[in-house]
Amino acid sequence: MTSVPGPDYKLPMSNFVYIGTSIDGRISSSSGTLDWMETVPNPNGDDLGFFDFVARVDAIVMGRVTFETIIDIGLGWHYPLPGIILSTTMDTAPEEFVEHVQFAKGTPAEIVALAKRQGFENLYVDGGNTIQRFLKVDLIDELIITELPILLGGGDRLFDTHNEEMKFELLDSEVLLGQMVKRHYRRVKAAG
């Protein structure tokens, strides 16, 4: 990807999180796997609104651990949008990913500015540590969280290190496949 020249930019319209959790708020099992996300049968292969969501964003900002998990799954880059992979240790991708991703380092504000210079307005932020870093500096505008009916008892929590109060308003809530609850929240920021 090439950068759009010019230092004048504004913050993107919105940064979104779209993620699944267990009842106990975990995003991975104690072994680091995501196979628990397949515990609810989906016989029709419904995307459960994911592609409608993806149509609202321009690029995905993803942490290295999440990117390595996608590589390990072996399905290639399954997103219909470009990726900005955050890593201080990784700077090359397997061949099947090269045309779809770029690597970047920096603070969440620097990553937002980079994305904006490249013409991206709305970002999908993914990966536990990346989401937490963006939340810590108040750069998440909407959360879409689907809770699966399973207690993992171990593994990474979505909000494990977040310790500051932040208010959100519930925009929508729906039951998916009769067992999962998807909630859509928008950040409520103080005026001024």
Foldseek 3Di string as FASTA:
>chain_A
DDFQDDPDFDFFPFEEEAAEAAPVQARAFQVRDRCVVPVQPDPVPDPQCPVVVLVVWAEEEEEPSVVVNVVVVPPAPPRPHAYEYEDPPDADDPPSCRVRYGYDYDQPVVVRSRCVRRPTRYYHYDDQVRQQRCVVVPRHFKYKYKYAHDDRVDHHGNNVPDDDDWDWDWPDWDDDSNGIIITMIGTDDDDD
